[in-house]
N, C-alpha and C. Protein backbone atom coordinates (compact mmCIF):
# COMPACT_ATOMS: atom_id res chain seq x y z
N MET A 1 165.72 17.89 89.54
CA MET A 1 166.10 17.40 90.84
C MET A 1 167.31 18.19 91.35
N ILE A 2 167.27 18.53 92.63
CA ILE A 2 168.36 19.28 93.25
C ILE A 2 169.54 18.35 93.50
N HIS A 3 170.74 18.81 93.13
CA HIS A 3 171.96 18.07 93.42
C HIS A 3 173.12 19.05 93.56
N LEU A 4 174.17 18.59 94.24
CA LEU A 4 175.38 19.39 94.44
C LEU A 4 176.47 18.89 93.51
N GLU A 5 177.22 19.84 92.97
CA GLU A 5 178.40 19.51 92.17
C GLU A 5 179.55 20.38 92.66
N LYS A 6 180.75 19.84 92.59
CA LYS A 6 181.93 20.61 92.99
C LYS A 6 182.04 21.87 92.15
N LEU A 7 182.56 22.92 92.77
CA LEU A 7 182.85 24.16 92.05
C LEU A 7 184.01 23.88 91.10
N THR A 8 183.84 24.21 89.83
CA THR A 8 184.87 23.94 88.82
C THR A 8 185.07 25.17 87.94
N TYR A 9 186.06 25.06 87.09
CA TYR A 9 186.31 26.13 86.13
C TYR A 9 185.09 26.34 85.23
N GLU A 10 184.37 25.27 84.96
CA GLU A 10 183.22 25.34 84.06
C GLU A 10 181.99 26.00 84.69
N ASN A 11 181.87 26.02 86.02
CA ASN A 11 180.64 26.55 86.62
C ASN A 11 180.83 27.74 87.56
N PHE A 12 182.07 28.14 87.85
CA PHE A 12 182.25 29.20 88.83
C PHE A 12 181.67 30.54 88.40
N GLU A 13 181.69 30.85 87.10
CA GLU A 13 181.12 32.13 86.64
C GLU A 13 179.61 32.16 86.84
N ASP A 14 178.95 31.01 86.68
CA ASP A 14 177.51 30.94 86.95
C ASP A 14 177.22 31.25 88.42
N VAL A 15 178.10 30.80 89.31
CA VAL A 15 177.92 31.08 90.74
C VAL A 15 178.02 32.58 91.00
N PHE A 16 178.93 33.25 90.29
CA PHE A 16 179.09 34.70 90.50
C PHE A 16 177.87 35.49 90.03
N GLU A 17 177.06 34.91 89.16
CA GLU A 17 175.86 35.58 88.67
C GLU A 17 174.67 35.47 89.62
N LEU A 18 174.73 34.54 90.58
CA LEU A 18 173.62 34.35 91.51
C LEU A 18 173.49 35.55 92.45
N LYS A 19 172.27 35.92 92.78
CA LYS A 19 172.02 37.07 93.64
C LYS A 19 170.95 36.75 94.67
N PRO A 20 171.16 37.15 95.93
CA PRO A 20 170.09 37.02 96.92
C PRO A 20 169.11 38.18 96.76
N LYS A 21 168.03 38.13 97.52
CA LYS A 21 167.10 39.27 97.54
C LYS A 21 167.82 40.45 98.21
N LYS A 22 167.43 41.67 97.86
CA LYS A 22 168.11 42.85 98.41
C LYS A 22 168.12 42.87 99.93
N VAL A 23 167.03 42.44 100.56
CA VAL A 23 166.98 42.44 102.02
C VAL A 23 167.93 41.41 102.64
N GLN A 24 168.43 40.48 101.84
CA GLN A 24 169.33 39.44 102.33
C GLN A 24 170.80 39.82 102.21
N TYR A 25 171.12 40.88 101.48
CA TYR A 25 172.52 41.26 101.27
C TYR A 25 173.32 41.42 102.56
N PRO A 26 172.77 42.02 103.62
CA PRO A 26 173.58 42.17 104.85
C PRO A 26 173.93 40.85 105.53
N PHE A 27 173.25 39.77 105.16
CA PHE A 27 173.43 38.50 105.85
C PHE A 27 174.18 37.45 105.03
N VAL A 28 174.49 37.75 103.79
CA VAL A 28 175.12 36.77 102.90
C VAL A 28 176.37 37.40 102.28
N ALA A 29 177.51 36.75 102.48
CA ALA A 29 178.73 37.21 101.82
C ALA A 29 178.58 36.99 100.31
N SER A 30 179.29 37.77 99.54
CA SER A 30 179.22 37.57 98.09
C SER A 30 179.82 36.21 97.73
N ASN A 31 179.33 35.64 96.66
CA ASN A 31 179.87 34.35 96.22
C ASN A 31 181.33 34.48 95.81
N MET A 32 181.71 35.63 95.25
CA MET A 32 183.09 35.84 94.86
C MET A 32 184.00 35.82 96.10
N PHE A 33 183.57 36.49 97.17
CA PHE A 33 184.33 36.47 98.42
C PHE A 33 184.45 35.04 98.94
N SER A 34 183.36 34.30 98.91
CA SER A 34 183.37 32.94 99.43
C SER A 34 184.29 32.01 98.65
N VAL A 35 184.32 32.17 97.33
CA VAL A 35 185.23 31.37 96.50
C VAL A 35 186.68 31.74 96.80
N ALA A 36 186.95 33.02 96.97
CA ALA A 36 188.30 33.46 97.34
C ALA A 36 188.69 32.91 98.71
N GLU A 37 187.76 32.94 99.65
CA GLU A 37 188.01 32.40 100.98
C GLU A 37 188.32 30.90 100.91
N ALA A 38 187.60 30.18 100.07
CA ALA A 38 187.85 28.75 99.90
C ALA A 38 189.27 28.51 99.38
N TYR A 39 189.66 29.29 98.39
CA TYR A 39 191.00 29.14 97.82
C TYR A 39 192.08 29.39 98.87
N VAL A 40 191.96 30.48 99.59
CA VAL A 40 192.96 30.83 100.60
C VAL A 40 193.00 29.77 101.70
N THR A 41 191.85 29.29 102.11
CA THR A 41 191.81 28.25 103.14
C THR A 41 192.48 26.97 102.65
N MET A 42 192.20 26.58 101.39
CA MET A 42 192.78 25.35 100.86
C MET A 42 194.30 25.44 100.71
N ILE A 43 194.81 26.57 100.21
CA ILE A 43 196.26 26.65 100.01
C ILE A 43 197.01 26.77 101.33
N ASN A 44 196.28 27.04 102.41
CA ASN A 44 196.89 27.08 103.74
C ASN A 44 196.60 25.81 104.54
N GLY A 45 196.19 24.75 103.85
CA GLY A 45 196.03 23.45 104.48
C GLY A 45 194.68 23.19 105.12
N GLY A 46 193.74 24.10 104.94
CA GLY A 46 192.41 23.91 105.51
C GLY A 46 191.53 23.04 104.66
N HIS A 47 190.42 22.63 105.23
CA HIS A 47 189.46 21.78 104.54
C HIS A 47 188.19 22.59 104.27
N VAL A 48 187.95 22.86 103.01
CA VAL A 48 186.75 23.61 102.62
C VAL A 48 186.19 22.97 101.36
N TYR A 49 184.87 22.96 101.27
CA TYR A 49 184.19 22.26 100.19
C TYR A 49 183.15 23.18 99.55
N PRO A 50 183.50 23.88 98.47
CA PRO A 50 182.51 24.71 97.78
C PRO A 50 181.74 23.89 96.75
N PHE A 51 180.42 23.99 96.80
CA PHE A 51 179.55 23.25 95.89
C PHE A 51 178.56 24.19 95.21
N VAL A 52 178.29 23.88 93.97
CA VAL A 52 177.25 24.57 93.21
C VAL A 52 175.97 23.75 93.37
N ILE A 53 174.88 24.45 93.62
CA ILE A 53 173.58 23.79 93.76
C ILE A 53 172.87 23.87 92.42
N TYR A 54 172.50 22.72 91.89
CA TYR A 54 171.81 22.63 90.61
C TYR A 54 170.38 22.15 90.82
N ASN A 55 169.48 22.64 90.01
CA ASN A 55 168.15 22.06 89.84
C ASN A 55 168.15 21.52 88.42
N ASP A 56 168.28 20.23 88.30
CA ASP A 56 168.54 19.57 87.02
C ASP A 56 169.83 20.15 86.45
N GLU A 57 169.78 20.87 85.33
CA GLU A 57 170.99 21.43 84.73
C GLU A 57 171.18 22.91 85.02
N ARG A 58 170.29 23.50 85.79
CA ARG A 58 170.32 24.95 86.03
C ARG A 58 170.95 25.26 87.40
N VAL A 59 171.90 26.20 87.42
CA VAL A 59 172.54 26.63 88.66
C VAL A 59 171.54 27.49 89.43
N VAL A 60 171.26 27.10 90.68
CA VAL A 60 170.29 27.84 91.50
C VAL A 60 170.87 28.34 92.81
N GLY A 61 172.07 27.88 93.19
CA GLY A 61 172.62 28.32 94.46
C GLY A 61 174.05 27.87 94.67
N PHE A 62 174.54 28.15 95.88
CA PHE A 62 175.93 27.88 96.23
C PHE A 62 175.98 27.55 97.71
N ILE A 63 176.75 26.53 98.06
CA ILE A 63 176.96 26.18 99.46
C ILE A 63 178.44 25.86 99.66
N GLN A 64 178.97 26.29 100.79
CA GLN A 64 180.37 26.04 101.09
C GLN A 64 180.48 25.48 102.50
N LEU A 65 181.02 24.30 102.58
CA LEU A 65 181.22 23.62 103.87
C LEU A 65 182.69 23.71 104.25
N ALA A 66 182.96 23.68 105.54
CA ALA A 66 184.34 23.70 106.02
C ALA A 66 184.47 22.75 107.19
N TYR A 67 185.71 22.31 107.44
CA TYR A 67 185.99 21.42 108.55
C TYR A 67 187.16 21.99 109.34
N GLY A 68 187.01 22.06 110.64
CA GLY A 68 188.08 22.56 111.50
C GLY A 68 188.74 21.43 112.25
N GLU A 69 189.92 21.02 111.81
CA GLU A 69 190.64 19.99 112.55
C GLU A 69 191.12 20.54 113.88
N ASN A 70 191.41 21.82 113.91
CA ASN A 70 191.85 22.47 115.13
C ASN A 70 191.06 23.75 115.30
N ALA A 71 190.81 24.12 116.54
CA ALA A 71 190.14 25.38 116.79
C ALA A 71 191.03 26.51 116.27
N ASP A 72 190.41 27.54 115.72
CA ASP A 72 191.09 28.71 115.19
C ASP A 72 192.06 28.38 114.05
N GLN A 73 191.75 27.36 113.30
CA GLN A 73 192.56 26.99 112.15
C GLN A 73 192.62 28.13 111.15
N ASP A 74 193.81 28.51 110.74
CA ASP A 74 194.00 29.57 109.75
C ASP A 74 193.31 30.87 110.14
N GLY A 75 193.24 31.15 111.44
CA GLY A 75 192.63 32.39 111.89
C GLY A 75 191.12 32.39 111.86
N VAL A 76 190.52 31.26 111.57
CA VAL A 76 189.06 31.17 111.50
C VAL A 76 188.58 30.47 112.76
N SER A 77 187.67 31.10 113.46
CA SER A 77 187.17 30.53 114.70
C SER A 77 186.12 29.46 114.40
N MET A 78 186.45 28.22 114.67
CA MET A 78 185.53 27.10 114.50
C MET A 78 185.64 26.20 115.71
N GLU A 79 184.59 25.47 115.97
CA GLU A 79 184.65 24.46 117.02
C GLU A 79 185.63 23.38 116.60
N LYS A 80 186.37 22.85 117.55
CA LYS A 80 187.32 21.78 117.25
C LYS A 80 186.56 20.57 116.69
N ASP A 81 187.11 19.97 115.65
CA ASP A 81 186.52 18.79 115.02
C ASP A 81 185.07 19.00 114.63
N SER A 82 184.79 20.10 113.97
CA SER A 82 183.41 20.37 113.57
C SER A 82 183.34 20.74 112.10
N TYR A 83 182.18 20.53 111.53
CA TYR A 83 181.88 21.00 110.18
C TYR A 83 181.02 22.24 110.32
N GLU A 84 181.22 23.19 109.41
CA GLU A 84 180.39 24.39 109.39
C GLU A 84 179.91 24.65 107.98
N VAL A 85 178.75 25.24 107.90
CA VAL A 85 178.26 25.78 106.63
C VAL A 85 178.75 27.22 106.60
N TRP A 86 179.78 27.48 105.82
CA TRP A 86 180.35 28.83 105.76
C TRP A 86 179.51 29.75 104.89
N HIS A 87 178.90 29.20 103.88
CA HIS A 87 178.13 30.03 102.96
C HIS A 87 177.01 29.18 102.39
N PHE A 88 175.83 29.78 102.31
CA PHE A 88 174.69 29.08 101.76
C PHE A 88 173.76 30.12 101.17
N MET A 89 173.50 30.00 99.89
CA MET A 89 172.57 30.94 99.26
C MET A 89 171.87 30.29 98.09
N ILE A 90 170.62 30.71 97.93
CA ILE A 90 169.81 30.31 96.78
C ILE A 90 169.47 31.60 96.04
N ASP A 91 169.62 31.59 94.73
CA ASP A 91 169.31 32.76 93.92
C ASP A 91 167.87 33.23 94.19
N LYS A 92 167.70 34.54 94.17
CA LYS A 92 166.39 35.11 94.51
C LYS A 92 165.26 34.55 93.66
N SER A 93 165.52 34.19 92.42
CA SER A 93 164.46 33.68 91.55
C SER A 93 164.10 32.22 91.83
N HIS A 94 164.88 31.55 92.69
CA HIS A 94 164.63 30.14 92.98
C HIS A 94 164.29 29.89 94.45
N GLN A 95 164.10 30.95 95.21
CA GLN A 95 163.76 30.79 96.62
C GLN A 95 162.29 30.41 96.78
N ARG A 96 161.99 29.78 97.91
CA ARG A 96 160.63 29.37 98.27
C ARG A 96 160.10 28.26 97.36
N LYS A 97 161.02 27.44 96.82
CA LYS A 97 160.63 26.34 95.94
C LYS A 97 161.17 25.00 96.44
N GLY A 98 161.75 24.98 97.64
CA GLY A 98 162.30 23.75 98.19
C GLY A 98 163.75 23.48 97.83
N CYS A 99 164.36 24.35 97.04
CA CYS A 99 165.76 24.14 96.62
C CYS A 99 166.71 24.17 97.80
N GLY A 100 166.52 25.12 98.70
CA GLY A 100 167.41 25.26 99.86
C GLY A 100 167.33 24.06 100.78
N ARG A 101 166.14 23.62 101.08
CA ARG A 101 165.95 22.46 101.95
C ARG A 101 166.60 21.22 101.34
N ALA A 102 166.35 20.98 100.07
CA ALA A 102 166.92 19.81 99.41
C ALA A 102 168.44 19.88 99.37
N ALA A 103 168.99 21.07 99.11
CA ALA A 103 170.45 21.23 99.07
C ALA A 103 171.06 21.01 100.45
N MET A 104 170.42 21.52 101.50
CA MET A 104 170.94 21.33 102.85
C MET A 104 170.88 19.86 103.24
N GLN A 105 169.86 19.15 102.84
CA GLN A 105 169.78 17.72 103.13
C GLN A 105 170.94 16.97 102.46
N GLN A 106 171.27 17.35 101.23
CA GLN A 106 172.39 16.71 100.55
C GLN A 106 173.72 17.07 101.21
N ALA A 107 173.85 18.31 101.66
CA ALA A 107 175.06 18.73 102.36
C ALA A 107 175.23 17.93 103.65
N LEU A 108 174.15 17.70 104.36
CA LEU A 108 174.23 16.90 105.59
C LEU A 108 174.61 15.45 105.28
N GLU A 109 174.12 14.93 104.17
CA GLU A 109 174.53 13.57 103.77
C GLU A 109 176.03 13.54 103.49
N LEU A 110 176.56 14.58 102.87
CA LEU A 110 178.00 14.65 102.62
C LEU A 110 178.76 14.67 103.94
N VAL A 111 178.31 15.48 104.88
CA VAL A 111 178.96 15.55 106.19
C VAL A 111 178.92 14.19 106.88
N ARG A 112 177.84 13.47 106.73
CA ARG A 112 177.72 12.13 107.33
C ARG A 112 178.80 11.18 106.81
N SER A 113 179.35 11.46 105.64
CA SER A 113 180.41 10.62 105.09
C SER A 113 181.78 11.00 105.64
N PHE A 114 181.85 12.04 106.47
CA PHE A 114 183.08 12.50 107.10
C PHE A 114 184.21 12.70 106.10
N PRO A 115 184.05 13.58 105.11
CA PRO A 115 185.06 13.74 104.07
C PRO A 115 186.40 14.27 104.58
N ALA A 116 186.43 14.95 105.72
CA ALA A 116 187.69 15.47 106.25
C ALA A 116 188.04 14.86 107.60
N GLY A 117 187.17 14.05 108.15
CA GLY A 117 187.42 13.45 109.45
C GLY A 117 186.17 13.47 110.30
N ASN A 118 186.25 12.81 111.45
CA ASN A 118 185.11 12.76 112.36
C ASN A 118 184.84 14.14 112.93
N ARG A 119 183.66 14.32 113.51
CA ARG A 119 183.28 15.63 113.99
C ARG A 119 182.52 15.52 115.31
N ASN A 120 182.53 16.63 116.04
CA ASN A 120 181.72 16.74 117.24
C ASN A 120 180.41 17.46 116.95
N THR A 121 180.44 18.46 116.09
CA THR A 121 179.25 19.27 115.84
C THR A 121 179.20 19.71 114.39
N VAL A 122 178.03 20.14 113.97
CA VAL A 122 177.83 20.80 112.69
C VAL A 122 177.25 22.16 113.01
N GLY A 123 177.78 23.21 112.40
CA GLY A 123 177.32 24.54 112.74
C GLY A 123 177.17 25.42 111.52
N SER A 124 176.78 26.65 111.79
CA SER A 124 176.58 27.62 110.73
C SER A 124 176.96 28.99 111.23
N PRO A 125 177.77 29.74 110.48
CA PRO A 125 178.07 31.11 110.89
C PRO A 125 176.82 31.97 110.69
N MET A 126 176.64 32.94 111.56
CA MET A 126 175.49 33.83 111.43
C MET A 126 175.66 34.73 110.22
N SER A 127 176.85 35.29 110.05
CA SER A 127 177.12 36.20 108.96
C SER A 127 178.60 36.54 109.01
N ARG A 128 179.16 36.97 107.91
CA ARG A 128 180.56 37.36 107.89
C ARG A 128 180.81 38.57 108.79
N LYS A 129 179.82 39.41 109.00
CA LYS A 129 180.00 40.64 109.77
C LYS A 129 179.63 40.47 111.24
N MET A 130 179.12 39.31 111.62
CA MET A 130 178.62 39.12 112.97
C MET A 130 179.51 38.16 113.74
N LYS A 131 179.60 38.33 115.05
CA LYS A 131 180.32 37.43 115.93
C LYS A 131 179.33 36.93 116.96
N PRO A 132 179.43 35.70 117.46
CA PRO A 132 180.46 34.74 117.15
C PRO A 132 180.30 34.17 115.75
N ARG A 133 181.39 33.67 115.19
CA ARG A 133 181.38 33.21 113.81
C ARG A 133 180.53 31.97 113.63
N GLY A 134 180.62 31.02 114.53
CA GLY A 134 179.89 29.78 114.35
C GLY A 134 178.87 29.54 115.45
N ILE A 135 177.77 28.98 115.07
CA ILE A 135 176.74 28.58 116.02
C ILE A 135 176.42 27.12 115.76
N CYS A 136 176.51 26.31 116.77
CA CYS A 136 176.25 24.88 116.60
C CYS A 136 174.75 24.66 116.52
N ILE A 137 174.30 24.07 115.44
CA ILE A 137 172.87 23.86 115.27
C ILE A 137 172.47 22.39 115.25
N PHE A 138 173.41 21.48 115.02
CA PHE A 138 173.09 20.06 115.01
C PHE A 138 174.14 19.30 115.84
N PRO A 139 174.08 19.41 117.16
CA PRO A 139 175.12 18.77 117.97
C PRO A 139 174.95 17.27 118.13
N SER A 140 173.86 16.70 117.64
CA SER A 140 173.64 15.26 117.82
C SER A 140 174.50 14.44 116.87
N ASP A 141 174.56 13.16 117.14
CA ASP A 141 175.35 12.26 116.32
C ASP A 141 174.70 12.10 114.95
N LEU A 142 175.39 12.53 113.89
CA LEU A 142 174.83 12.50 112.54
C LEU A 142 174.79 11.10 111.95
N ARG A 143 175.38 10.14 112.62
CA ARG A 143 175.34 8.77 112.09
C ARG A 143 173.97 8.15 112.26
N LYS A 144 173.19 8.66 113.19
CA LYS A 144 171.85 8.13 113.40
C LYS A 144 170.98 8.51 112.22
N SER A 145 170.17 7.60 111.78
CA SER A 145 169.29 7.90 110.64
C SER A 145 167.98 8.48 111.18
N ARG A 146 167.97 9.77 111.38
CA ARG A 146 166.76 10.46 111.81
C ARG A 146 166.63 11.73 111.01
N LYS A 147 165.43 12.20 110.91
CA LYS A 147 165.18 13.40 110.13
C LYS A 147 165.72 14.60 110.89
N ILE A 148 166.61 15.37 110.24
CA ILE A 148 167.20 16.55 110.87
C ILE A 148 166.44 17.80 110.48
N MET A 149 165.98 17.85 109.27
CA MET A 149 165.29 19.06 108.80
C MET A 149 163.81 18.78 108.70
């Protein structure tokens, strides 16, 4: 069963071993970069949530959520009072098996709990190399119990 666990000292090296398909490299930041970004954001007062995606006991992916209390917090362009998926990847050997969909559903459930505060939107950056940084994909009220994916 797919589940999310916090990034810890015990599992971060497994995250660094995950690889996307070669054609996906231009669109996905490295997991090492994303973990470093999480650290820098946290020590500067930002809200970021890196999670390891497990299928039972096996690491299959990585997702990193962020919350912007203020627009342009820490030099990062985000919508005011919004959550963003900063990084999302499933290892190439586990793609096309429903892992990504199940992990995103769990991430949305976490956002529904408002871990850093209320929000106006949920978005996703297109890529680290592309602008604009965030694109709002779920502007509706997440408190409603309706199927999003």
